[in-house]
């Protein structure tokens, strides 16, 4: 049997880490949390970041079996359909994406043409579902709280891709103030991750550095998180975490790309269909403050 080869790609505009995970023996791979480049001011979408991933896969002579999303991201647009068109593979996300689709379908008045059954994805994972990247076993863990659809992908029982559930220990944990987010659920999801063996590597979806650290980091371990996560280290009770998380969330501004990201990502990375003038549009609900 081969071993996991993990290559990260960093998008500085959204502070997002994407990954290609491959089986060294079969050379089959998965792409996790890809990024579509989007210039909000001009409304221009492009695929420079995704092309870098594709170029790496081709140089390594990998095939793509999976394109995985850890959740419906609110801070970057997914390039999953573009990579699938170029490289193949099945697009997967957690089954609770249907709850996100129902909530945000109403927010954006998406209409009856927007399917809310997850059919934009090839596979909807339940908690505990297993699959493989080549010969590497993968276990899907439902880790809600940040969003109801959040999944962690545990590869070969040694490397977990945690999405936004956890950040580096000096930055803490994900916000829970989006619709259907829940700080208590997040705490319980984090405990599920922290019950994995201490040497399990944890791969972040984002990093924002801190005042004491000026380089980006994207990999930590269960034992490091348990020892020094500033929000949820060993000894932090559920009530303590909930109070801290809710207090912190109340002071946060919304992500810059929230509106375009959710509209695209709830559709599996597809841009909304063109209207009768041939143009595609993203909506911004307007709240007038008096």
C-alpha atoms as a PDB file:
ATOM      1  CA  UNK A   1       0.000   0.000   0.000  1.00  0.00           C
ATOM      2  CA  UNK A   2       1.130   3.543  -0.714  1.00  0.00           C
ATOM      3  CA  UNK A   3       1.138   6.534   1.587  1.00  0.00           C
ATOM      4  CA  UNK A   4      -0.568   9.924   1.492  1.00  0.00           C
ATOM      5  CA  UNK A   5       1.234  12.709  -0.350  1.00  0.00           C
ATOM      6  CA  UNK A   6      -0.203  16.084   0.658  1.00  0.00           C
ATOM      7  CA  UNK A   7       0.424  19.302  -1.262  1.00  0.00           C
ATOM      8  CA  UNK A   8      -1.032  22.616  -0.097  1.00  0.00           C
ATOM      9  CA  UNK A   9      -1.909  25.701  -2.147  1.00  0.00           C
ATOM     10  CA  UNK A  10      -2.441  29.068  -0.480  1.00  0.00           C
ATOM     11  CA  UNK A  11      -4.787  31.788  -1.746  1.00  0.00           C
ATOM     12  CA  UNK A  12      -3.630  35.026  -0.131  1.00  0.00           C
ATOM     13  CA  UNK A  13      -6.764  36.974  -1.041  1.00  0.00           C
ATOM     14  CA  UNK A  14      -9.021  34.733   1.064  1.00  0.00           C
ATOM     15  CA  UNK A  15      -6.366  33.226   3.372  1.00  0.00           C
ATOM     16  CA  UNK A  16      -7.471  29.802   2.154  1.00  0.00           C
ATOM     17  CA  UNK A  17      -5.452  26.599   2.004  1.00  0.00           C
ATOM     18  CA  UNK A  18      -6.494  24.109  -0.664  1.00  0.00           C
ATOM     19  CA  UNK A  19      -5.040  20.620  -0.826  1.00  0.00           C
ATOM     20  CA  UNK A  20      -4.240  17.832  -3.234  1.00  0.00           C
ATOM     21  CA  UNK A  21      -4.091  14.506  -1.393  1.00  0.00           C
ATOM     22  CA  UNK A  22      -2.726  11.608  -3.410  1.00  0.00           C
ATOM     23  CA  UNK A  23      -1.961   7.928  -2.961  1.00  0.00           C
ATOM     24  CA  UNK A  24       1.740   7.408  -3.719  1.00  0.00           C
ATOM     25  CA  UNK A  25       1.155   3.941  -5.180  1.00  0.00           C
ATOM     26  CA  UNK A  26      -1.923   4.352  -7.373  1.00  0.00           C
ATOM     27  CA  UNK A  27      -1.343   8.087  -8.087  1.00  0.00           C
ATOM     28  CA  UNK A  28      -5.033   8.751  -7.564  1.00  0.00           C
ATOM     29  CA  UNK A  29      -5.897  11.998  -5.815  1.00  0.00           C
ATOM     30  CA  UNK A  30      -8.471  14.241  -4.194  1.00  0.00           C
ATOM     31  CA  UNK A  31      -8.725  18.037  -4.293  1.00  0.00           C
ATOM     32  CA  UNK A  32     -10.006  19.614  -1.079  1.00  0.00           C
ATOM     33  CA  UNK A  33     -11.470  23.143  -0.774  1.00  0.00           C
ATOM     34  CA  UNK A  34     -10.423  24.656  -4.105  1.00  0.00           C
ATOM     35  CA  UNK A  35     -10.670  28.406  -4.801  1.00  0.00           C
ATOM     36  CA  UNK A  36     -12.108  30.359  -7.716  1.00  0.00           C
ATOM     37  CA  UNK A  37     -10.439  33.766  -8.061  1.00  0.00           C
ATOM     38  CA  UNK A  38     -13.003  36.549  -7.758  1.00  0.00           C
ATOM     39  CA  UNK A  39     -12.563  40.301  -8.000  1.00  0.00           C
ATOM     40  CA  UNK A  40     -15.538  41.791  -6.183  1.00  0.00           C
ATOM     41  CA  UNK A  41     -15.092  45.325  -7.542  1.00  0.00           C
ATOM     42  CA  UNK A  42     -15.274  44.273 -11.193  1.00  0.00           C
ATOM     43  CA  UNK A  43     -17.413  41.151 -10.775  1.00  0.00           C
ATOM     44  CA  UNK A  44     -14.733  39.111 -12.565  1.00  0.00           C
ATOM     45  CA  UNK A  45     -14.190  35.395 -11.934  1.00  0.00           C
ATOM     46  CA  UNK A  46     -11.058  33.582 -13.080  1.00  0.00           C
ATOM     47  CA  UNK A  47      -9.180  30.354 -12.388  1.00  0.00           C
ATOM     48  CA  UNK A  48      -5.496  31.113 -11.854  1.00  0.00           C
ATOM     49  CA  UNK A  49      -5.520  29.373  -8.462  1.00  0.00           C
ATOM     50  CA  UNK A  50      -7.329  26.316  -9.794  1.00  0.00           C
ATOM     51  CA  UNK A  51      -4.994  26.161 -12.791  1.00  0.00           C
ATOM     52  CA  UNK A  52      -2.038  25.924 -10.399  1.00  0.00           C
ATOM     53  CA  UNK A  53      -3.667  22.887  -8.792  1.00  0.00           C
ATOM     54  CA  UNK A  54      -4.404  21.328 -12.174  1.00  0.00           C
ATOM     55  CA  UNK A  55      -0.839  21.942 -13.382  1.00  0.00           C
ATOM     56  CA  UNK A  56       0.549  20.183 -10.286  1.00  0.00           C
ATOM     57  CA  UNK A  57      -1.778  17.199 -10.780  1.00  0.00           C
ATOM     58  CA  UNK A  58      -0.728  16.880 -14.420  1.00  0.00           C
ATOM     59  CA  UNK A  59       2.984  17.210 -13.648  1.00  0.00           C
ATOM     60  CA  UNK A  60       2.674  14.411 -11.100  1.00  0.00           C
ATOM     61  CA  UNK A  61       0.631  12.284 -13.505  1.00  0.00           C
ATOM     62  CA  UNK A  62      -2.169  11.958 -10.959  1.00  0.00           C
ATOM     63  CA  UNK A  63      -5.779  11.145 -11.722  1.00  0.00           C
ATOM     64  CA  UNK A  64      -8.534  12.897  -9.786  1.00  0.00           C
ATOM     65  CA  UNK A  65     -11.044  10.674  -8.002  1.00  0.00           C
ATOM     66  CA  UNK A  66     -12.584  13.221  -5.648  1.00  0.00           C
ATOM     67  CA  UNK A  67     -13.220  16.928  -5.349  1.00  0.00           C
ATOM     68  CA  UNK A  68     -14.195  17.508  -1.730  1.00  0.00           C
ATOM     69  CA  UNK A  69     -15.714  20.466   0.086  1.00  0.00           C
ATOM     70  CA  UNK A  70     -15.489  20.629   3.871  1.00  0.00           C
ATOM     71  CA  UNK A  71     -18.546  22.931   3.913  1.00  0.00           C
ATOM     72  CA  UNK A  72     -20.346  25.724   2.053  1.00  0.00           C
ATOM     73  CA  UNK A  73     -17.656  28.372   2.392  1.00  0.00           C
ATOM     74  CA  UNK A  74     -18.563  31.989   3.150  1.00  0.00           C
ATOM     75  CA  UNK A  75     -15.183  33.532   2.379  1.00  0.00           C
ATOM     76  CA  UNK A  76     -14.189  32.181  -1.025  1.00  0.00           C
ATOM     77  CA  UNK A  77     -15.837  30.805  -4.142  1.00  0.00           C
ATOM     78  CA  UNK A  78     -15.248  27.152  -5.017  1.00  0.00           C
ATOM     79  CA  UNK A  79     -13.549  26.121  -8.256  1.00  0.00           C
ATOM     80  CA  UNK A  80     -14.892  22.570  -7.987  1.00  0.00           C
ATOM     81  CA  UNK A  81     -16.902  22.506 -11.264  1.00  0.00           C
ATOM     82  CA  UNK A  82     -13.956  23.926 -13.217  1.00  0.00           C
ATOM     83  CA  UNK A  83     -11.561  21.289 -11.844  1.00  0.00           C
ATOM     84  CA  UNK A  84     -14.120  18.551 -12.425  1.00  0.00           C
ATOM     85  CA  UNK A  85     -14.554  19.638 -16.052  1.00  0.00           C
ATOM     86  CA  UNK A  86     -10.804  19.602 -16.618  1.00  0.00           C
ATOM     87  CA  UNK A  87      -9.792  16.569 -14.554  1.00  0.00           C
ATOM     88  CA  UNK A  88     -12.872  14.503 -13.703  1.00  0.00           C
ATOM     89  CA  UNK A  89     -13.686  13.208 -10.240  1.00  0.00           C
ATOM     90  CA  UNK A  90     -16.759  13.096  -8.008  1.00  0.00           C
ATOM     91  CA  UNK A  91     -17.813  16.179  -6.060  1.00  0.00           C
ATOM     92  CA  UNK A  92     -18.624  15.489  -2.409  1.00  0.00           C
ATOM     93  CA  UNK A  93     -19.891  17.432   0.614  1.00  0.00           C
ATOM     94  CA  UNK A  94     -21.819  16.700   3.827  1.00  0.00           C
ATOM     95  CA  UNK A  95     -25.460  15.695   3.527  1.00  0.00           C
ATOM     96  CA  UNK A  96     -26.576  18.668   5.638  1.00  0.00           C
ATOM     97  CA  UNK A  97     -25.792  20.920   2.678  1.00  0.00           C
ATOM     98  CA  UNK A  98     -29.531  20.642   2.006  1.00  0.00           C
ATOM     99  CA  UNK A  99     -30.184  22.615   5.192  1.00  0.00           C
ATOM    100  CA  UNK A 100     -27.772  25.327   4.026  1.00  0.00           C
ATOM    101  CA  UNK A 101     -29.438  25.366   0.614  1.00  0.00           C
ATOM    102  CA  UNK A 102     -32.883  25.741   2.147  1.00  0.00           C
ATOM    103  CA  UNK A 103     -31.787  28.597   4.417  1.00  0.00           C
ATOM    104  CA  UNK A 104     -29.840  30.577   1.847  1.00  0.00           C
ATOM    105  CA  UNK A 105     -32.188  29.754  -1.008  1.00  0.00           C
ATOM    106  CA  UNK A 106     -34.709  31.842   0.926  1.00  0.00           C
ATOM    107  CA  UNK A 107     -32.160  34.567   1.796  1.00  0.00           C
ATOM    108  CA  UNK A 108     -31.335  35.066  -1.880  1.00  0.00           C
ATOM    109  CA  UNK A 109     -34.867  34.393  -3.154  1.00  0.00           C
ATOM    110  CA  UNK A 110     -33.354  31.776  -5.463  1.00  0.00           C
ATOM    111  CA  UNK A 111     -36.695  30.553  -6.766  1.00  0.00           C
ATOM    112  CA  UNK A 112     -37.973  27.096  -7.574  1.00  0.00           C
ATOM    113  CA  UNK A 113     -35.298  26.519 -10.224  1.00  0.00           C
ATOM    114  CA  UNK A 114     -32.706  26.252  -7.446  1.00  0.00           C
ATOM    115  CA  UNK A 115     -32.747  22.653  -6.257  1.00  0.00           C
ATOM    116  CA  UNK A 116     -32.429  22.298  -2.474  1.00  0.00           C
ATOM    117  CA  UNK A 117     -31.772  18.546  -2.432  1.00  0.00           C
ATOM    118  CA  UNK A 118     -27.987  18.556  -2.799  1.00  0.00           C
ATOM    119  CA  UNK A 119     -28.232  17.311  -6.391  1.00  0.00           C
ATOM    120  CA  UNK A 120     -25.519  19.762  -7.489  1.00  0.00           C
ATOM    121  CA  UNK A 121     -23.078  17.355  -5.782  1.00  0.00           C
ATOM    122  CA  UNK A 122     -22.269  13.762  -6.731  1.00  0.00           C
ATOM    123  CA  UNK A 123     -21.998  12.410  -3.182  1.00  0.00           C
ATOM    124  CA  UNK A 124     -23.527  13.613   0.099  1.00  0.00           C
ATOM    125  CA  UNK A 125     -21.607  12.179   3.035  1.00  0.00           C
ATOM    126  CA  UNK A 126     -23.182  11.025   6.266  1.00  0.00           C
ATOM    127  CA  UNK A 127     -21.219  10.938   9.526  1.00  0.00           C
ATOM    128  CA  UNK A 128     -18.980   7.869   9.495  1.00  0.00           C
ATOM    129  CA  UNK A 129     -19.165   7.200   5.758  1.00  0.00           C
ATOM    130  CA  UNK A 130     -16.008   5.705   4.296  1.00  0.00           C
ATOM    131  CA  UNK A 131     -14.469   5.925   0.846  1.00  0.00           C
ATOM    132  CA  UNK A 132     -10.979   5.800  -0.638  1.00  0.00           C
ATOM    133  CA  UNK A 133      -8.441   7.907  -2.494  1.00  0.00           C
ATOM    134  CA  UNK A 134      -6.732   5.170  -4.475  1.00  0.00           C
ATOM    135  CA  UNK A 135      -5.958   2.698  -1.698  1.00  0.00           C
ATOM    136  CA  UNK A 136      -5.989   5.297   1.084  1.00  0.00           C
ATOM    137  CA  UNK A 137      -9.008   4.870   3.380  1.00  0.00           C
ATOM    138  CA  UNK A 138     -10.965   8.035   4.169  1.00  0.00           C
ATOM    139  CA  UNK A 139     -13.556   8.533   6.893  1.00  0.00           C
ATOM    140  CA  UNK A 140     -16.056  11.404   6.753  1.00  0.00           C
ATOM    141  CA  UNK A 141     -16.805  12.944  10.156  1.00  0.00           C
ATOM    142  CA  UNK A 142     -19.754  15.308  10.561  1.00  0.00           C
ATOM    143  CA  UNK A 143     -18.406  18.273  12.555  1.00  0.00           C
ATOM    144  CA  UNK A 144     -21.161  20.926  12.583  1.00  0.00           C
ATOM    145  CA  UNK A 145     -21.263  24.190  14.499  1.00  0.00           C
ATOM    146  CA  UNK A 146     -19.617  26.642  12.149  1.00  0.00           C
ATOM    147  CA  UNK A 147     -22.244  25.522   9.621  1.00  0.00           C
ATOM    148  CA  UNK A 148     -24.601  22.536   9.800  1.00  0.00           C
ATOM    149  CA  UNK A 149     -22.919  20.848   6.823  1.00  0.00           C
ATOM    150  CA  UNK A 150     -19.289  20.915   8.025  1.00  0.00           C
ATOM    151  CA  UNK A 151     -17.316  17.717   7.447  1.00  0.00           C
ATOM    152  CA  UNK A 152     -13.832  16.622   8.475  1.00  0.00           C
ATOM    153  CA  UNK A 153     -12.099  14.154   6.165  1.00  0.00           C
ATOM    154  CA  UNK A 154      -9.787  11.752   7.984  1.00  0.00           C
ATOM    155  CA  UNK A 155      -7.308  10.239   5.513  1.00  0.00           C
ATOM    156  CA  UNK A 156      -5.536   6.977   6.365  1.00  0.00           C
ATOM    157  CA  UNK A 157      -6.440   7.516  10.054  1.00  0.00           C
ATOM    158  CA  UNK A 158      -3.526   9.953  10.269  1.00  0.00           C
ATOM    159  CA  UNK A 159      -4.381  13.246   8.525  1.00  0.00           C
ATOM    160  CA  UNK A 160      -7.602  15.192   9.138  1.00  0.00           C
ATOM    161  CA  UNK A 161      -8.787  18.051   6.934  1.00  0.00           C
ATOM    162  CA  UNK A 162     -10.919  20.029   9.368  1.00  0.00           C
ATOM    163  CA  UNK A 163     -12.272  22.889   7.243  1.00  0.00           C
ATOM    164  CA  UNK A 164     -13.171  25.861   9.469  1.00  0.00           C
ATOM    165  CA  UNK A 165     -13.882  23.810  12.599  1.00  0.00           C
ATOM    166  CA  UNK A 166     -10.468  24.527  14.096  1.00  0.00           C
ATOM    167  CA  UNK A 167      -7.707  27.031  13.408  1.00  0.00           C
ATOM    168  CA  UNK A 168      -4.088  27.013  14.495  1.00  0.00           C
ATOM    169  CA  UNK A 169      -3.846  26.893  18.313  1.00  0.00           C
ATOM    170  CA  UNK A 170      -2.890  30.562  18.603  1.00  0.00           C
ATOM    171  CA  UNK A 171      -5.940  31.636  16.572  1.00  0.00           C
ATOM    172  CA  UNK A 172      -8.563  29.370  18.107  1.00  0.00           C
ATOM    173  CA  UNK A 173     -11.804  28.220  16.530  1.00  0.00           C
ATOM    174  CA  UNK A 174     -14.384  29.098  13.893  1.00  0.00           C
ATOM    175  CA  UNK A 175     -17.236  31.558  14.291  1.00  0.00           C
ATOM    176  CA  UNK A 176     -20.751  30.224  14.882  1.00  0.00           C
ATOM    177  CA  UNK A 177     -22.956  33.234  14.076  1.00  0.00           C
ATOM    178  CA  UNK A 178     -23.931  32.296  10.532  1.00  0.00           C
ATOM    179  CA  UNK A 179     -27.491  30.979  10.034  1.00  0.00           C
ATOM    180  CA  UNK A 180     -27.822  27.558  11.687  1.00  0.00           C
ATOM    181  CA  UNK A 181     -24.409  27.864  13.349  1.00  0.00           C
ATOM    182  CA  UNK A 182     -24.242  26.683  16.947  1.00  0.00           C
ATOM    183  CA  UNK A 183     -21.431  27.123  19.469  1.00  0.00           C
ATOM    184  CA  UNK A 184     -22.441  24.073  21.516  1.00  0.00           C
ATOM    185  CA  UNK A 185     -22.426  21.921  18.419  1.00  0.00           C
ATOM    186  CA  UNK A 186     -19.016  23.293  17.495  1.00  0.00           C
ATOM    187  CA  UNK A 187     -17.613  22.431  20.922  1.00  0.00           C
ATOM    188  CA  UNK A 188     -18.892  18.851  20.605  1.00  0.00           C
ATOM    189  CA  UNK A 189     -17.529  18.590  17.054  1.00  0.00           C
ATOM    190  CA  UNK A 190     -14.130  19.783  18.220  1.00  0.00           C
ATOM    191  CA  UNK A 191     -14.155  17.180  20.990  1.00  0.00           C
ATOM    192  CA  UNK A 192     -14.787  14.522  18.331  1.00  0.00           C
ATOM    193  CA  UNK A 193     -11.662  15.672  16.500  1.00  0.00           C
ATOM    194  CA  UNK A 194      -9.612  15.961  19.697  1.00  0.00           C
ATOM    195  CA  UNK A 195     -10.452  12.368  20.632  1.00  0.00           C
ATOM    196  CA  UNK A 196      -8.374  11.221  17.650  1.00  0.00           C
ATOM    197  CA  UNK A 197      -4.829  10.000  18.456  1.00  0.00           C
ATOM    198  CA  UNK A 198      -2.533  12.815  19.569  1.00  0.00           C
ATOM    199  CA  UNK A 199      -0.195  12.485  16.587  1.00  0.00           C
ATOM    200  CA  UNK A 200      -3.009  12.907  14.052  1.00  0.00           C
ATOM    201  CA  UNK A 201      -2.099  15.791  11.749  1.00  0.00           C
ATOM    202  CA  UNK A 202      -4.762  18.488  11.401  1.00  0.00           C
ATOM    203  CA  UNK A 203      -4.842  20.494   8.175  1.00  0.00           C
ATOM    204  CA  UNK A 204      -6.426  23.939   8.346  1.00  0.00           C
ATOM    205  CA  UNK A 205      -8.582  25.559   5.683  1.00  0.00           C
ATOM    206  CA  UNK A 206      -7.490  29.069   6.761  1.00  0.00           C
ATOM    207  CA  UNK A 207      -4.804  30.895   8.659  1.00  0.00           C
ATOM    208  CA  UNK A 208      -4.649  34.586   9.536  1.00  0.00           C
ATOM    209  CA  UNK A 209      -1.392  34.751  11.528  1.00  0.00           C
ATOM    210  CA  UNK A 210      -1.340  36.533  14.888  1.00  0.00           C
ATOM    211  CA  UNK A 211       0.494  39.368  16.567  1.00  0.00           C
ATOM    212  CA  UNK A 212       3.143  36.925  17.761  1.00  0.00           C
ATOM    213  CA  UNK A 213       3.445  34.959  14.524  1.00  0.00           C
ATOM    214  CA  UNK A 214       4.073  36.549  11.155  1.00  0.00           C
ATOM    215  CA  UNK A 215       4.279  33.430   8.992  1.00  0.00           C
ATOM    216  CA  UNK A 216       1.288  31.452   7.787  1.00  0.00           C
ATOM    217  CA  UNK A 217       0.841  27.946   9.159  1.00  0.00           C
ATOM    218  CA  UNK A 218      -1.619  25.293   8.077  1.00  0.00           C
ATOM    219  CA  UNK A 219      -0.705  22.075   9.897  1.00  0.00           C
ATOM    220  CA  UNK A 220      -0.914  21.225  13.573  1.00  0.00           C
ATOM    221  CA  UNK A 221      -1.761  18.094  15.577  1.00  0.00           C
ATOM    222  CA  UNK A 222      -4.408  16.859  17.961  1.00  0.00           C
ATOM    223  CA  UNK A 223      -1.981  16.978  20.864  1.00  0.00           C
ATOM    224  CA  UNK A 224      -0.915  20.553  20.054  1.00  0.00           C
ATOM    225  CA  UNK A 225      -4.534  21.708  19.859  1.00  0.00           C
ATOM    226  CA  UNK A 226      -5.387  20.004  23.130  1.00  0.00           C
ATOM    227  CA  UNK A 227      -2.410  21.559  24.819  1.00  0.00           C
ATOM    228  CA  UNK A 228      -2.557  25.148  23.596  1.00  0.00           C
ATOM    229  CA  UNK A 229      -5.653  26.124  21.588  1.00  0.00           C
ATOM    230  CA  UNK A 230      -6.591  29.539  22.994  1.00  0.00           C
ATOM    231  CA  UNK A 231     -10.327  28.772  22.864  1.00  0.00           C
ATOM    232  CA  UNK A 232     -10.693  25.073  23.568  1.00  0.00           C
ATOM    233  CA  UNK A 233      -7.622  23.433  25.104  1.00  0.00           C
ATOM    234  CA  UNK A 234      -7.924  20.576  27.598  1.00  0.00           C
ATOM    235  CA  UNK A 235      -9.895  21.705  30.635  1.00  0.00           C
ATOM    236  CA  UNK A 236     -12.138  24.167  28.764  1.00  0.00           C
ATOM    237  CA  UNK A 237     -15.755  23.340  29.586  1.00  0.00           C
ATOM    238  CA  UNK A 238     -18.588  23.498  27.090  1.00  0.00           C
ATOM    239  CA  UNK A 239     -20.213  26.434  28.891  1.00  0.00           C
ATOM    240  CA  UNK A 240     -16.920  28.332  29.018  1.00  0.00           C
ATOM    241  CA  UNK A 241     -16.388  27.803  25.315  1.00  0.00           C
ATOM    242  CA  UNK A 242     -19.927  28.848  24.389  1.00  0.00           C
ATOM    243  CA  UNK A 243     -19.649  32.061  26.404  1.00  0.00           C
ATOM    244  CA  UNK A 244     -16.284  32.909  24.850  1.00  0.00           C
ATOM    245  CA  UNK A 245     -17.347  32.025  21.302  1.00  0.00           C
ATOM    246  CA  UNK A 246     -20.622  33.960  21.397  1.00  0.00           C
ATOM    247  CA  UNK A 247     -18.954  37.002  22.929  1.00  0.00           C
ATOM    248  CA  UNK A 248     -16.266  36.957  20.262  1.00  0.00           C
ATOM    249  CA  UNK A 249     -18.731  36.402  17.411  1.00  0.00           C
ATOM    250  CA  UNK A 250     -20.785  39.428  18.457  1.00  0.00           C
ATOM    251  CA  UNK A 251     -17.797  41.645  17.649  1.00  0.00           C
ATOM    252  CA  UNK A 252     -16.921  40.159  14.245  1.00  0.00           C
ATOM    253  CA  UNK A 253     -17.774  41.771  10.923  1.00  0.00           C
ATOM    254  CA  UNK A 254     -19.123  39.654   8.081  1.00  0.00           C
ATOM    255  CA  UNK A 255     -16.617  38.104   5.634  1.00  0.00           C
ATOM    256  CA  UNK A 256     -15.903  40.334   2.624  1.00  0.00           C
ATOM    257  CA  UNK A 257     -16.972  37.677   0.102  1.00  0.00           C
ATOM    258  CA  UNK A 258     -19.925  36.272   2.057  1.00  0.00           C
ATOM    259  CA  UNK A 259     -22.644  37.236  -0.429  1.00  0.00           C
ATOM    260  CA  UNK A 260     -21.031  35.956  -3.629  1.00  0.00           C
ATOM    261  CA  UNK A 261     -19.453  32.924  -1.942  1.00  0.00           C
ATOM    262  CA  UNK A 262     -22.601  31.421  -0.469  1.00  0.00           C
ATOM    263  CA  UNK A 263     -24.639  31.923  -3.645  1.00  0.00           C
ATOM    264  CA  UNK A 264     -22.034  30.063  -5.692  1.00  0.00           C
ATOM    265  CA  UNK A 265     -21.016  27.417  -3.173  1.00  0.00           C
ATOM    266  CA  UNK A 266     -24.553  26.349  -2.264  1.00  0.00           C
ATOM    267  CA  UNK A 267     -24.802  25.466  -5.986  1.00  0.00           C
ATOM    268  CA  UNK A 268     -21.707  23.259  -5.830  1.00  0.00           C
ATOM    269  CA  UNK A 269     -19.508  26.045  -7.212  1.00  0.00           C
ATOM    270  CA  UNK A 270     -21.753  26.874 -10.159  1.00  0.00           C
ATOM    271  CA  UNK A 271     -22.470  30.504 -11.040  1.00  0.00           C
ATOM    272  CA  UNK A 272     -26.241  31.254 -11.153  1.00  0.00           C
ATOM    273  CA  UNK A 273     -27.752  30.749 -14.590  1.00  0.00           C
ATOM    274  CA  UNK A 274     -27.726  33.557 -17.113  1.00  0.00           C
ATOM    275  CA  UNK A 275     -30.790  35.799 -17.202  1.00  0.00           C
ATOM    276  CA  UNK A 276     -32.723  36.791 -20.322  1.00  0.00           C
ATOM    277  CA  UNK A 277     -30.024  39.285 -21.355  1.00  0.00           C
ATOM    278  CA  UNK A 278     -27.348  36.595 -21.296  1.00  0.00           C
ATOM    279  CA  UNK A 279     -25.633  37.986 -18.200  1.00  0.00           C
ATOM    280  CA  UNK A 280     -25.108  36.182 -14.880  1.00  0.00           C
ATOM    281  CA  UNK A 281     -25.787  37.996 -11.617  1.00  0.00           C
ATOM    282  CA  UNK A 282     -25.067  37.618  -7.926  1.00  0.00           C
ATOM    283  CA  UNK A 283     -27.515  39.231  -5.510  1.00  0.00           C
ATOM    284  CA  UNK A 284     -26.903  41.371  -2.443  1.00  0.00           C
ATOM    285  CA  UNK A 285     -29.907  41.604  -0.092  1.00  0.00           C
ATOM    286  CA  UNK A 286     -30.283  45.253   0.849  1.00  0.00           C
ATOM    287  CA  UNK A 287     -30.978  46.166   4.478  1.00  0.00           C
ATOM    288  CA  UNK A 288     -31.714  49.867   4.857  1.00  0.00           C
ATOM    289  CA  UNK A 289     -30.788  51.210   8.266  1.00  0.00           C
ATOM    290  CA  UNK A 290     -32.873  54.194   9.404  1.00  0.00           C
END
